[in-house]
PDB file of all heavy atoms in Angstrom:
ATOM      1  N   PHE A   1      73.954  30.416  30.721  1.00  0.00           N
ATOM      2  CA  PHE A   1      74.891  30.282  29.602  1.00  0.00           C
ATOM      3  C   PHE A   1      76.105  31.190  29.812  1.00  0.00           C
ATOM      4  O   PHE A   1      77.257  30.761  29.635  1.00  0.00           O
ATOM      5  CB  PHE A   1      74.185  30.634  28.290  1.00  0.00           C
ATOM      6  CG  PHE A   1      75.124  30.952  27.161  1.00  0.00           C
ATOM      7  CD1 PHE A   1      75.834  29.938  26.522  1.00  0.00           C
ATOM      8  CD2 PHE A   1      75.329  32.277  26.747  1.00  0.00           C
ATOM      9  CE1 PHE A   1      76.717  30.233  25.479  1.00  0.00           C
ATOM     10  CE2 PHE A   1      76.207  32.566  25.715  1.00  0.00           C
ATOM     11  CZ  PHE A   1      76.902  31.550  25.088  1.00  0.00           C
ATOM     12  N   MET A   2      75.868  32.434  30.197  1.00  0.00           N
ATOM     13  CA  MET A   2      76.984  33.362  30.401  1.00  0.00           C
ATOM     14  C   MET A   2      77.877  32.895  31.542  1.00  0.00           C
ATOM     15  O   MET A   2      79.109  32.951  31.457  1.00  0.00           O
ATOM     16  CB  MET A   2      76.452  34.772  30.690  1.00  0.00           C
ATOM     17  CG  MET A   2      75.834  35.483  29.503  1.00  0.00           C
ATOM     18  SD  MET A   2      75.582  37.248  29.802  1.00  0.00           S
ATOM     19  CE  MET A   2      74.407  37.204  31.174  1.00  0.00           C
ATOM     20  N   ARG A   3      77.271  32.441  32.628  1.00  0.00           N
ATOM     21  CA  ARG A   3      78.071  32.011  33.785  1.00  0.00           C
ATOM     22  C   ARG A   3      78.905  30.775  33.477  1.00  0.00           C
ATOM     23  O   ARG A   3      79.970  30.582  34.041  1.00  0.00           O
ATOM     24  CB  ARG A   3      77.143  31.741  34.973  1.00  0.00           C
ATOM     25  CG  ARG A   3      76.571  33.018  35.585  1.00  0.00           C
ATOM     26  CD  ARG A   3      75.819  32.726  36.858  1.00  0.00           C
ATOM     27  NE  ARG A   3      75.457  33.954  37.545  1.00  0.00           N
ATOM     28  CZ  ARG A   3      75.372  34.072  38.863  1.00  0.00           C
ATOM     29  NH1 ARG A   3      75.612  33.015  39.628  1.00  0.00           N
ATOM     30  NH2 ARG A   3      75.032  35.212  39.420  1.00  0.00           N
ATOM     31  N   GLN A   4      78.382  29.924  32.590  1.00  0.00           N
ATOM     32  CA  GLN A   4      79.116  28.714  32.233  1.00  0.00           C
ATOM     33  C   GLN A   4      80.484  29.049  31.657  1.00  0.00           C
ATOM     34  O   GLN A   4      81.470  28.353  31.916  1.00  0.00           O
ATOM     35  CB  GLN A   4      78.297  27.897  31.228  1.00  0.00           C
ATOM     36  CG  GLN A   4      78.872  26.527  30.930  1.00  0.00           C
ATOM     37  CD  GLN A   4      77.975  25.733  29.999  1.00  0.00           C
ATOM     38  OE1 GLN A   4      77.204  26.297  29.209  1.00  0.00           O
ATOM     39  NE2 GLN A   4      78.063  24.413  30.078  1.00  0.00           N
ATOM     40  N   TYR A   5      80.544  30.148  30.883  1.00  0.00           N
ATOM     41  CA  TYR A   5      81.800  30.578  30.279  1.00  0.00           C
ATOM     42  C   TYR A   5      82.331  31.863  30.917  1.00  0.00           C
ATOM     43  O   TYR A   5      83.262  32.475  30.393  1.00  0.00           O
ATOM     44  CB  TYR A   5      81.616  30.797  28.772  1.00  0.00           C
ATOM     45  CG  TYR A   5      81.306  29.525  28.020  1.00  0.00           C
ATOM     46  CD1 TYR A   5      79.994  29.183  27.709  1.00  0.00           C
ATOM     47  CD2 TYR A   5      82.335  28.662  27.644  1.00  0.00           C
ATOM     48  CE1 TYR A   5      79.714  28.010  27.019  1.00  0.00           C
ATOM     49  CE2 TYR A   5      82.054  27.488  26.947  1.00  0.00           C
ATOM     50  CZ  TYR A   5      80.739  27.169  26.640  1.00  0.00           C
ATOM     51  OH  TYR A   5      80.460  26.002  25.960  1.00  0.00           O
ATOM     52  N   ARG A   6      81.724  32.261  32.033  1.00  0.00           N
ATOM     53  CA  ARG A   6      82.121  33.469  32.779  1.00  0.00           C
ATOM     54  C   ARG A   6      82.065  34.728  31.907  1.00  0.00           C
ATOM     55  O   ARG A   6      82.833  35.676  32.104  1.00  0.00           O
ATOM     56  CB  ARG A   6      83.518  33.303  33.382  1.00  0.00           C
ATOM     57  CG  ARG A   6      83.594  32.145  34.362  1.00  0.00           C
ATOM     58  CD  ARG A   6      84.923  32.070  35.067  1.00  0.00           C
ATOM     59  NE  ARG A   6      84.972  30.900  35.942  1.00  0.00           N
ATOM     60  CZ  ARG A   6      86.013  30.562  36.689  1.00  0.00           C
ATOM     61  NH1 ARG A   6      87.095  31.314  36.669  1.00  0.00           N
ATOM     62  NH2 ARG A   6      85.985  29.481  37.453  1.00  0.00           N
ATOM     63  N   LEU A   7      81.158  34.719  30.939  1.00  0.00           N
ATOM     64  CA  LEU A   7      81.027  35.883  30.061  1.00  0.00           C
ATOM     65  C   LEU A   7      80.412  37.064  30.787  1.00  0.00           C
ATOM     66  O   LEU A   7      80.626  38.219  30.375  1.00  0.00           O
ATOM     67  CB  LEU A   7      80.167  35.519  28.840  1.00  0.00           C
ATOM     68  CG  LEU A   7      80.718  34.404  27.945  1.00  0.00           C
ATOM     69  CD1 LEU A   7      79.719  34.077  26.838  1.00  0.00           C
ATOM     70  CD2 LEU A   7      82.059  34.810  27.349  1.00  0.00           C
ATOM     71  N   ASP A   8      79.652  36.807  31.846  1.00  0.00           N
ATOM     72  CA  ASP A   8      79.051  37.902  32.596  1.00  0.00           C
ATOM     73  C   ASP A   8      80.103  38.759  33.293  1.00  0.00           C
ATOM     74  O   ASP A   8      79.851  39.921  33.637  1.00  0.00           O
ATOM     75  CB  ASP A   8      78.054  37.364  33.629  1.00  0.00           C
ATOM     76  CG  ASP A   8      78.705  36.385  34.604  1.00  0.00           C
ATOM     77  OD1 ASP A   8      79.513  35.553  34.162  1.00  0.00           O
ATOM     78  OD2 ASP A   8      78.389  36.466  35.808  1.00  0.00           O
ATOM     79  N   GLU A   9      81.315  38.203  33.485  1.00  0.00           N
ATOM     80  CA  GLU A   9      82.376  38.930  34.184  1.00  0.00           C
ATOM     81  C   GLU A   9      83.189  39.834  33.244  1.00  0.00           C
ATOM     82  O   GLU A   9      83.950  40.680  33.713  1.00  0.00           O
ATOM     83  CB  GLU A   9      83.348  37.939  34.847  1.00  0.00           C
ATOM     84  CG  GLU A   9      82.704  36.909  35.762  1.00  0.00           C
ATOM     85  CD  GLU A   9      82.386  37.468  37.140  1.00  0.00           C
ATOM     86  OE1 GLU A   9      82.695  38.654  37.377  1.00  0.00           O
ATOM     87  OE2 GLU A   9      81.827  36.730  37.958  1.00  0.00           O
ATOM     88  N   THR A  10      83.028  39.674  31.933  1.00  0.00           N
ATOM     89  CA  THR A  10      83.915  40.377  30.995  1.00  0.00           C
ATOM     90  C   THR A  10      83.820  41.905  31.043  1.00  0.00           C
ATOM     91  O   THR A  10      84.822  42.561  30.727  1.00  0.00           O
ATOM     92  CB  THR A  10      83.673  39.889  29.551  1.00  0.00           C
ATOM     93  OG1 THR A  10      82.277  40.019  29.226  1.00  0.00           O
ATOM     94  CG2 THR A  10      84.089  38.434  29.395  1.00  0.00           C
ATOM     95  N   PRO A  11      82.687  42.517  31.412  1.00  0.00           N
ATOM     96  CA  PRO A  11      82.701  43.985  31.528  1.00  0.00           C
ATOM     97  C   PRO A  11      83.664  44.503  32.589  1.00  0.00           C
ATOM     98  O   PRO A  11      83.960  45.699  32.629  1.00  0.00           O
ATOM     99  CB  PRO A  11      81.245  44.318  31.880  1.00  0.00           C
ATOM    100  CG  PRO A  11      80.445  43.188  31.352  1.00  0.00           C
ATOM    101  CD  PRO A  11      81.311  41.993  31.548  1.00  0.00           C
ATOM    102  N   GLN A  12      84.166  43.610  33.443  1.00  0.00           N
ATOM    103  CA  GLN A  12      85.096  44.052  34.486  1.00  0.00           C
ATOM    104  C   GLN A  12      86.447  44.473  33.923  1.00  0.00           C
ATOM    105  O   GLN A  12      87.274  45.032  34.652  1.00  0.00           O
ATOM    106  CB  GLN A  12      85.260  42.947  35.527  1.00  0.00           C
ATOM    107  CG  GLN A  12      84.028  42.746  36.375  1.00  0.00           C
ATOM    108  CD  GLN A  12      84.028  41.429  37.125  1.00  0.00           C
ATOM    109  OE1 GLN A  12      85.061  40.956  37.576  1.00  0.00           O
ATOM    110  NE2 GLN A  12      82.849  40.816  37.235  1.00  0.00           N
ATOM    111  N   PHE A  13      86.672  44.232  32.638  1.00  0.00           N
ATOM    112  CA  PHE A  13      87.870  44.806  32.021  1.00  0.00           C
ATOM    113  C   PHE A  13      87.830  46.334  32.123  1.00  0.00           C
ATOM    114  O   PHE A  13      88.883  46.981  32.171  1.00  0.00           O
ATOM    115  CB  PHE A  13      87.980  44.378  30.555  1.00  0.00           C
ATOM    116  CG  PHE A  13      88.410  42.941  30.388  1.00  0.00           C
ATOM    117  CD1 PHE A  13      87.594  42.019  29.751  1.00  0.00           C
ATOM    118  CD2 PHE A  13      89.643  42.518  30.864  1.00  0.00           C
ATOM    119  CE1 PHE A  13      87.993  40.697  29.594  1.00  0.00           C
ATOM    120  CE2 PHE A  13      90.059  41.195  30.708  1.00  0.00           C
ATOM    121  CZ  PHE A  13      89.224  40.285  30.080  1.00  0.00           C
ATOM    122  N   TYR A  14      86.621  46.898  32.161  1.00  0.00           N
ATOM    123  CA  TYR A  14      86.493  48.342  32.358  1.00  0.00           C
ATOM    124  C   TYR A  14      86.928  48.724  33.772  1.00  0.00           C
ATOM    125  O   TYR A  14      87.617  49.740  33.969  1.00  0.00           O
ATOM    126  CB  TYR A  14      85.050  48.794  32.109  1.00  0.00           C
ATOM    127  CG  TYR A  14      84.825  50.266  32.418  1.00  0.00           C
ATOM    128  CD1 TYR A  14      85.301  51.255  31.555  1.00  0.00           C
ATOM    129  CD2 TYR A  14      84.163  50.653  33.578  1.00  0.00           C
ATOM    130  CE1 TYR A  14      85.110  52.602  31.838  1.00  0.00           C
ATOM    131  CE2 TYR A  14      83.971  51.994  33.873  1.00  0.00           C
ATOM    132  CZ  TYR A  14      84.448  52.963  33.001  1.00  0.00           C
ATOM    133  OH  TYR A  14      84.265  54.289  33.299  1.00  0.00           O
ATOM    134  N   ASN A  15      86.552  47.913  34.766  1.00  0.00           N
ATOM    135  CA  ASN A  15      87.019  48.149  36.139  1.00  0.00           C
ATOM    136  C   ASN A  15      88.540  48.098  36.221  1.00  0.00           C
ATOM    137  O   ASN A  15      89.164  48.858  36.975  1.00  0.00           O
ATOM    138  CB  ASN A  15      86.441  47.111  37.095  1.00  0.00           C
ATOM    139  CG  ASN A  15      84.956  47.302  37.353  1.00  0.00           C
ATOM    140  OD1 ASN A  15      84.140  46.472  36.996  1.00  0.00           O
ATOM    141  ND2 ASN A  15      84.596  48.416  37.979  1.00  0.00           N
ATOM    142  N   VAL A  16      89.137  47.191  35.452  1.00  0.00           N
ATOM    143  CA  VAL A  16      90.600  47.084  35.422  1.00  0.00           C
ATOM    144  C   VAL A  16      91.201  48.322  34.771  1.00  0.00           C
ATOM    145  O   VAL A  16      92.177  48.896  35.266  1.00  0.00           O
ATOM    146  CB  VAL A  16      91.035  45.809  34.667  1.00  0.00           C
ATOM    147  CG1 VAL A  16      92.556  45.776  34.495  1.00  0.00           C
ATOM    148  CG2 VAL A  16      90.552  44.564  35.390  1.00  0.00           C
ATOM    149  N   LEU A  17      90.614  48.753  33.663  1.00  0.00           N
ATOM    150  CA  LEU A  17      91.152  49.889  32.916  1.00  0.00           C
ATOM    151  C   LEU A  17      91.172  51.161  33.762  1.00  0.00           C
ATOM    152  O   LEU A  17      92.138  51.921  33.736  1.00  0.00           O
ATOM    153  CB  LEU A  17      90.325  50.111  31.647  1.00  0.00           C
ATOM    154  CG  LEU A  17      90.825  51.201  30.690  1.00  0.00           C
ATOM    155  CD1 LEU A  17      92.190  50.834  30.133  1.00  0.00           C
ATOM    156  CD2 LEU A  17      89.828  51.416  29.556  1.00  0.00           C
ATOM    157  N   ILE A  18      90.128  51.400  34.557  1.00  0.00           N
ATOM    158  CA  ILE A  18      90.061  52.632  35.347  1.00  0.00           C
ATOM    159  C   ILE A  18      90.768  52.495  36.698  1.00  0.00           C
ATOM    160  O   ILE A  18      90.813  53.450  37.472  1.00  0.00           O
ATOM    161  CB  ILE A  18      88.600  53.075  35.562  1.00  0.00           C
ATOM    162  CG1 ILE A  18      87.822  52.044  36.388  1.00  0.00           C
ATOM    163  CG2 ILE A  18      87.922  53.355  34.232  1.00  0.00           C
ATOM    164  CD1 ILE A  18      86.398  52.489  36.719  1.00  0.00           C
ATOM    165  N   GLY A  19      91.304  51.312  36.989  1.00  0.00           N
ATOM    166  CA  GLY A  19      92.134  51.164  38.177  1.00  0.00           C
ATOM    167  C   GLY A  19      91.456  50.632  39.411  1.00  0.00           C
ATOM    168  O   GLY A  19      92.097  50.519  40.470  1.00  0.00           O
ATOM    169  N   ASP A  20      90.163  50.284  39.342  1.00  0.00           N
ATOM    170  CA  ASP A  20      89.485  49.704  40.504  1.00  0.00           C
ATOM    171  C   ASP A  20      89.931  48.272  40.771  1.00  0.00           C
ATOM    172  O   ASP A  20      89.922  47.818  41.915  1.00  0.00           O
ATOM    173  CB  ASP A  20      87.960  49.707  40.304  1.00  0.00           C
ATOM    174  CG  ASP A  20      87.369  51.094  40.365  1.00  0.00           C
ATOM    175  OD1 ASP A  20      87.975  51.954  41.029  1.00  0.00           O
ATOM    176  OD2 ASP A  20      86.310  51.323  39.750  1.00  0.00           O
ATOM    177  N   MET A  21      90.305  47.567  39.701  1.00  0.00           N
ATOM    178  CA  MET A  21      90.670  46.162  39.807  1.00  0.00           C
ATOM    179  C   MET A  21      91.938  45.885  39.014  1.00  0.00           C
ATOM    180  O   MET A  21      92.441  46.750  38.301  1.00  0.00           O
ATOM    181  CB  MET A  21      89.518  45.272  39.291  1.00  0.00           C
ATOM    182  CG  MET A  21      88.233  45.369  40.082  1.00  0.00           C
ATOM    183  SD  MET A  21      86.874  44.399  39.341  1.00  0.00           S
ATOM    184  CE  MET A  21      87.517  42.732  39.504  1.00  0.00           C
ATOM    185  N   SER A  22      92.433  44.668  39.155  1.00  0.00           N
ATOM    186  CA  SER A  22      93.546  44.173  38.355  1.00  0.00           C
ATOM    187  C   SER A  22      93.074  42.916  37.633  1.00  0.00           C
ATOM    188  O   SER A  22      92.010  42.381  37.948  1.00  0.00           O
ATOM    189  CB  SER A  22      94.739  43.860  39.258  1.00  0.00           C
ATOM    190  OG  SER A  22      95.823  43.357  38.498  1.00  0.00           O
ATOM    191  N   LEU A  23      93.819  42.465  36.652  1.00  0.00           N
ATOM    192  CA  LEU A  23      93.456  41.220  35.995  1.00  0.00           C
ATOM    193  C   LEU A  23      93.511  40.055  36.972  1.00  0.00           C
ATOM    194  O   LEU A  23      92.619  39.200  36.999  1.00  0.00           O
ATOM    195  CB  LEU A  23      94.394  40.949  34.813  1.00  0.00           C
ATOM    196  CG  LEU A  23      94.287  41.891  33.621  1.00  0.00           C
ATOM    197  CD1 LEU A  23      95.392  41.595  32.626  1.00  0.00           C
ATOM    198  CD2 LEU A  23      92.923  41.759  32.952  1.00  0.00           C
ATOM    199  N   VAL A  24      94.557  40.030  37.801  1.00  0.00           N
ATOM    200  CA  VAL A  24      94.734  38.957  38.772  1.00  0.00           C
ATOM    201  C   VAL A  24      94.799  39.542  40.170  1.00  0.00           C
ATOM    202  O   VAL A  24      95.539  40.486  40.433  1.00  0.00           O
ATOM    203  CB  VAL A  24      96.022  38.156  38.489  1.00  0.00           C
ATOM    204  CG1 VAL A  24      96.195  37.043  39.519  1.00  0.00           C
ATOM    205  CG2 VAL A  24      96.002  37.571  37.087  1.00  0.00           C
ATOM    206  N   GLY A  25      94.011  38.987  41.053  1.00  0.00           N
ATOM    207  CA  GLY A  25      93.958  39.428  42.438  1.00  0.00           C
ATOM    208  C   GLY A  25      92.779  38.768  43.127  1.00  0.00           C
ATOM    209  O   GLY A  25      91.902  38.196  42.450  1.00  0.00           O
ATOM    210  N   PRO A  26      92.725  38.808  44.439  1.00  0.00           N
ATOM    211  CA  PRO A  26      91.600  38.187  45.147  1.00  0.00           C
ATOM    212  C   PRO A  26      90.268  38.766  44.689  1.00  0.00           C
ATOM    213  O   PRO A  26      90.161  39.967  44.441  1.00  0.00           O
ATOM    214  CB  PRO A  26      91.874  38.530  46.617  1.00  0.00           C
ATOM    215  CG  PRO A  26      93.331  38.853  46.668  1.00  0.00           C
ATOM    216  CD  PRO A  26      93.680  39.445  45.345  1.00  0.00           C
ATOM    217  N   ARG A  27      89.258  37.920  44.565  1.00  0.00           N
ATOM    218  CA  ARG A  27      87.947  38.405  44.155  1.00  0.00           C
ATOM    219  C   ARG A  27      87.393  39.356  45.214  1.00  0.00           C
ATOM    220  O   ARG A  27      87.445  39.083  46.412  1.00  0.00           O
ATOM    221  CB  ARG A  27      86.982  37.231  43.964  1.00  0.00           C
ATOM    222  CG  ARG A  27      87.270  36.421  42.723  1.00  0.00           C
ATOM    223  CD  ARG A  27      87.065  37.225  41.454  1.00  0.00           C
ATOM    224  NE  ARG A  27      85.666  37.604  41.253  1.00  0.00           N
ATOM    225  CZ  ARG A  27      85.262  38.501  40.361  1.00  0.00           C
ATOM    226  NH1 ARG A  27      86.140  39.144  39.631  1.00  0.00           N
ATOM    227  NH2 ARG A  27      83.989  38.762  40.228  1.00  0.00           N
ATOM    228  N   PRO A  28      86.846  40.503  44.792  1.00  0.00           N
ATOM    229  CA  PRO A  28      86.314  41.473  45.761  1.00  0.00           C
ATOM    230  C   PRO A  28      84.986  40.987  46.351  1.00  0.00           C
ATOM    231  O   PRO A  28      84.182  40.353  45.664  1.00  0.00           O
ATOM    232  CB  PRO A  28      86.112  42.729  44.914  1.00  0.00           C
ATOM    233  CG  PRO A  28      85.861  42.213  43.531  1.00  0.00           C
ATOM    234  CD  PRO A  28      86.694  40.967  43.405  1.00  0.00           C
ATOM    235  N   GLU A  29      84.780  41.266  47.624  1.00  0.00           N
ATOM    236  CA  GLU A  29      83.554  40.874  48.308  1.00  0.00           C
ATOM    237  C   GLU A  29      82.793  42.101  48.785  1.00  0.00           C
ATOM    238  O   GLU A  29      83.322  43.211  48.829  1.00  0.00           O
ATOM    239  CB  GLU A  29      83.872  39.966  49.509  1.00  0.00           C
ATOM    240  CG  GLU A  29      84.637  38.699  49.173  1.00  0.00           C
ATOM    241  CD  GLU A  29      83.828  37.720  48.336  1.00  0.00           C
ATOM    242  OE1 GLU A  29      82.618  37.954  48.158  1.00  0.00           O
ATOM    243  OE2 GLU A  29      84.409  36.720  47.865  1.00  0.00           O
ATOM    244  N   ARG A  30      81.553  41.880  49.182  1.00  0.00           N
ATOM    245  CA  ARG A  30      80.755  42.949  49.772  1.00  0.00           C
ATOM    246  C   ARG A  30      81.079  43.082  51.261  1.00  0.00           C
ATOM    247  O   ARG A  30      81.480  42.120  51.904  1.00  0.00           O
ATOM    248  CB  ARG A  30      79.274  42.649  49.570  1.00  0.00           C
ATOM    249  CG  ARG A  30      78.810  42.860  48.141  1.00  0.00           C
ATOM    250  CD  ARG A  30      77.351  42.517  47.962  1.00  0.00           C
ATOM    251  NE  ARG A  30      77.150  41.082  47.732  1.00  0.00           N
ATOM    252  CZ  ARG A  30      75.964  40.532  47.503  1.00  0.00           C
ATOM    253  NH1 ARG A  30      74.878  41.296  47.493  1.00  0.00           N
ATOM    254  NH2 ARG A  30      75.858  39.243  47.296  1.00  0.00           N
ATOM    255  N   GLN A  31      80.889  44.275  51.781  1.00  0.00           N
ATOM    256  CA  GLN A  31      81.199  44.528  53.193  1.00  0.00           C
ATOM    257  C   GLN A  31      80.407  43.615  54.110  1.00  0.00           C
ATOM    258  O   GLN A  31      80.900  43.180  55.151  1.00  0.00           O
ATOM    259  CB  GLN A  31      80.899  46.001  53.530  1.00  0.00           C
ATOM    260  CG  GLN A  31      81.385  46.432  54.906  1.00  0.00           C
ATOM    261  CD  GLN A  31      82.896  46.395  55.011  1.00  0.00           C
ATOM    262  OE1 GLN A  31      83.603  47.028  54.232  1.00  0.00           O
ATOM    263  NE2 GLN A  31      83.408  45.646  55.984  1.00  0.00           N
ATOM    264  N   TYR A  32      79.201  43.281  53.712  1.00  0.00           N
ATOM    265  CA  TYR A  32      78.330  42.402  54.504  1.00  0.00           C
ATOM    266  C   TYR A  32      79.021  41.065  54.768  1.00  0.00           C
ATOM    267  O   TYR A  32      78.975  40.534  55.893  1.00  0.00           O
ATOM    268  CB  TYR A  32      77.012  42.192  53.741  1.00  0.00           C
ATOM    269  CG  TYR A  32      76.057  41.207  54.377  1.00  0.00           C
ATOM    270  CD1 TYR A  32      75.224  41.597  55.428  1.00  0.00           C
ATOM    271  CD2 TYR A  32      75.978  39.890  53.923  1.00  0.00           C
ATOM    272  CE1 TYR A  32      74.340  40.699  56.008  1.00  0.00           C
ATOM    273  CE2 TYR A  32      75.101  38.986  54.501  1.00  0.00           C
ATOM    274  CZ  TYR A  32      74.290  39.401  55.539  1.00  0.00           C
ATOM    275  OH  TYR A  32      73.416  38.496  56.130  1.00  0.00           O
ATOM    276  N   TYR A  33      79.670  40.513  53.751  1.00  0.00           N
ATOM    277  CA  TYR A  33      80.342  39.217  53.901  1.00  0.00           C
ATOM    278  C   TYR A  33      81.741  39.375  54.505  1.00  0.00           C
ATOM    279  O   TYR A  33      82.210  38.482  55.223  1.00  0.00           O
ATOM    280  CB  TYR A  33      80.408  38.492  52.558  1.00  0.00           C
ATOM    281  CG  TYR A  33      79.048  38.087  52.055  1.00  0.00           C
ATOM    282  CD1 TYR A  33      78.461  38.730  50.975  1.00  0.00           C
ATOM    283  CD2 TYR A  33      78.322  37.085  52.695  1.00  0.00           C
ATOM    284  CE1 TYR A  33      77.202  38.378  50.522  1.00  0.00           C
ATOM    285  CE2 TYR A  33      77.064  36.727  52.250  1.00  0.00           C
ATOM    286  CZ  TYR A  33      76.505  37.371  51.171  1.00  0.00           C
ATOM    287  OH  TYR A  33      75.246  37.023  50.741  1.00  0.00           O
ATOM    288  N   ILE A  34      82.407  40.488  54.210  1.00  0.00           N
ATOM    289  CA  ILE A  34      83.725  40.729  54.805  1.00  0.00           C
ATOM    290  C   ILE A  34      83.624  40.769  56.320  1.00  0.00           C
ATOM    291  O   ILE A  34      84.482  40.229  57.035  1.00  0.00           O
ATOM    292  CB  ILE A  34      84.326  42.038  54.252  1.00  0.00           C
ATOM    293  CG1 ILE A  34      84.719  41.853  52.782  1.00  0.00           C
ATOM    294  CG2 ILE A  34      85.551  42.462  55.072  1.00  0.00           C
ATOM    295  CD1 ILE A  34      85.240  43.105  52.121  1.00  0.00           C
ATOM    296  N   ASP A  35      82.569  41.408  56.838  1.00  0.00           N
ATOM    297  CA  ASP A  35      82.386  41.479  58.298  1.00  0.00           C
ATOM    298  C   ASP A  35      82.254  40.077  58.900  1.00  0.00           C
ATOM    299  O   ASP A  35      82.818  39.781  59.966  1.00  0.00           O
ATOM    300  CB  ASP A  35      81.154  42.309  58.633  1.00  0.00           C
ATOM    301  CG  ASP A  35      81.322  43.788  58.282  1.00  0.00           C
ATOM    302  OD1 ASP A  35      82.490  44.214  58.155  1.00  0.00           O
ATOM    303  OD2 ASP A  35      80.311  44.488  58.130  1.00  0.00           O
ATOM    304  N   GLN A  36      81.529  39.199  58.207  1.00  0.00           N
ATOM    305  CA  GLN A  36      81.359  37.834  58.711  1.00  0.00           C
ATOM    306  C   GLN A  36      82.662  37.030  58.633  1.00  0.00           C
ATOM    307  O   GLN A  36      83.001  36.269  59.551  1.00  0.00           O
ATOM    308  CB  GLN A  36      80.264  37.115  57.907  1.00  0.00           C
ATOM    309  CG  GLN A  36      78.878  37.729  58.059  1.00  0.00           C
ATOM    310  CD  GLN A  36      77.841  36.967  57.257  1.00  0.00           C
ATOM    311  OE1 GLN A  36      77.687  35.753  57.389  1.00  0.00           O
ATOM    312  NE2 GLN A  36      77.135  37.672  56.372  1.00  0.00           N
ATOM    313  N   ILE A  37      83.389  37.216  57.537  1.00  0.00           N
ATOM    314  CA  ILE A  37      84.654  36.491  57.372  1.00  0.00           C
ATOM    315  C   ILE A  37      85.674  36.946  58.411  1.00  0.00           C
ATOM    316  O   ILE A  37      86.359  36.130  59.045  1.00  0.00           O
ATOM    317  CB  ILE A  37      85.213  36.698  55.952  1.00  0.00           C
ATOM    318  CG1 ILE A  37      84.263  36.096  54.912  1.00  0.00           C
ATOM    319  CG2 ILE A  37      86.591  36.054  55.813  1.00  0.00           C
ATOM    320  CD1 ILE A  37      84.616  36.477  53.479  1.00  0.00           C
ATOM    321  N   THR A  38      85.771  38.261  58.628  1.00  0.00           N
ATOM    322  CA  THR A  38      86.773  38.809  59.536  1.00  0.00           C
ATOM    323  C   THR A  38      86.542  38.364  60.975  1.00  0.00           C
ATOM    324  O   THR A  38      87.503  38.217  61.740  1.00  0.00           O
ATOM    325  CB  THR A  38      86.786  40.349  59.442  1.00  0.00           C
ATOM    326  OG1 THR A  38      86.946  40.744  58.074  1.00  0.00           O
ATOM    327  CG2 THR A  38      87.934  40.930  60.250  1.00  0.00           C
ATOM    328  N   GLU A  39      85.298  38.130  61.345  1.00  0.00           N
ATOM    329  CA  GLU A  39      85.015  37.631  62.694  1.00  0.00           C
ATOM    330  C   GLU A  39      85.664  36.275  62.932  1.00  0.00           C
ATOM    331  O   GLU A  39      86.100  35.955  64.039  1.00  0.00           O
ATOM    332  CB  GLU A  39      83.499  37.524  62.909  1.00  0.00           C
ATOM    333  CG  GLU A  39      82.813  38.865  63.115  1.00  0.00           C
ATOM    334  CD  GLU A  39      81.321  38.689  63.355  1.00  0.00           C
ATOM    335  OE1 GLU A  39      80.859  37.522  63.458  1.00  0.00           O
ATOM    336  OE2 GLU A  39      80.607  39.705  63.441  1.00  0.00           O
ATOM    337  N   ARG A  40      85.745  35.479  61.892  1.00  0.00           N
ATOM    338  CA  ARG A  40      86.297  34.123  62.007  1.00  0.00           C
ATOM    339  C   ARG A  40      87.765  34.045  61.578  1.00  0.00           C
ATOM    340  O   ARG A  40      88.513  33.203  62.070  1.00  0.00           O
ATOM    341  CB  ARG A  40      85.453  33.165  61.172  1.00  0.00           C
ATOM    342  CG  ARG A  40      84.009  33.072  61.676  1.00  0.00           C
ATOM    343  CD  ARG A  40      83.094  32.359  60.692  1.00  0.00           C
ATOM    344  NE  ARG A  40      83.569  31.029  60.327  1.00  0.00           N
ATOM    345  CZ  ARG A  40      82.945  30.238  59.459  1.00  0.00           C
ATOM    346  NH1 ARG A  40      81.833  30.666  58.860  1.00  0.00           N
ATOM    347  NH2 ARG A  40      83.427  29.048  59.186  1.00  0.00           N
TER     348      ARG A  40
END
């Protein structure tokens, strides 16, 4: 239910407030997947 309306993401406004994130920008990934993406 939360994912259907993306309600699970709403606490990330706190990440935005403290400066880790912005409202708009590329979605952050884990290093595990970044390593795989960067290879290609």
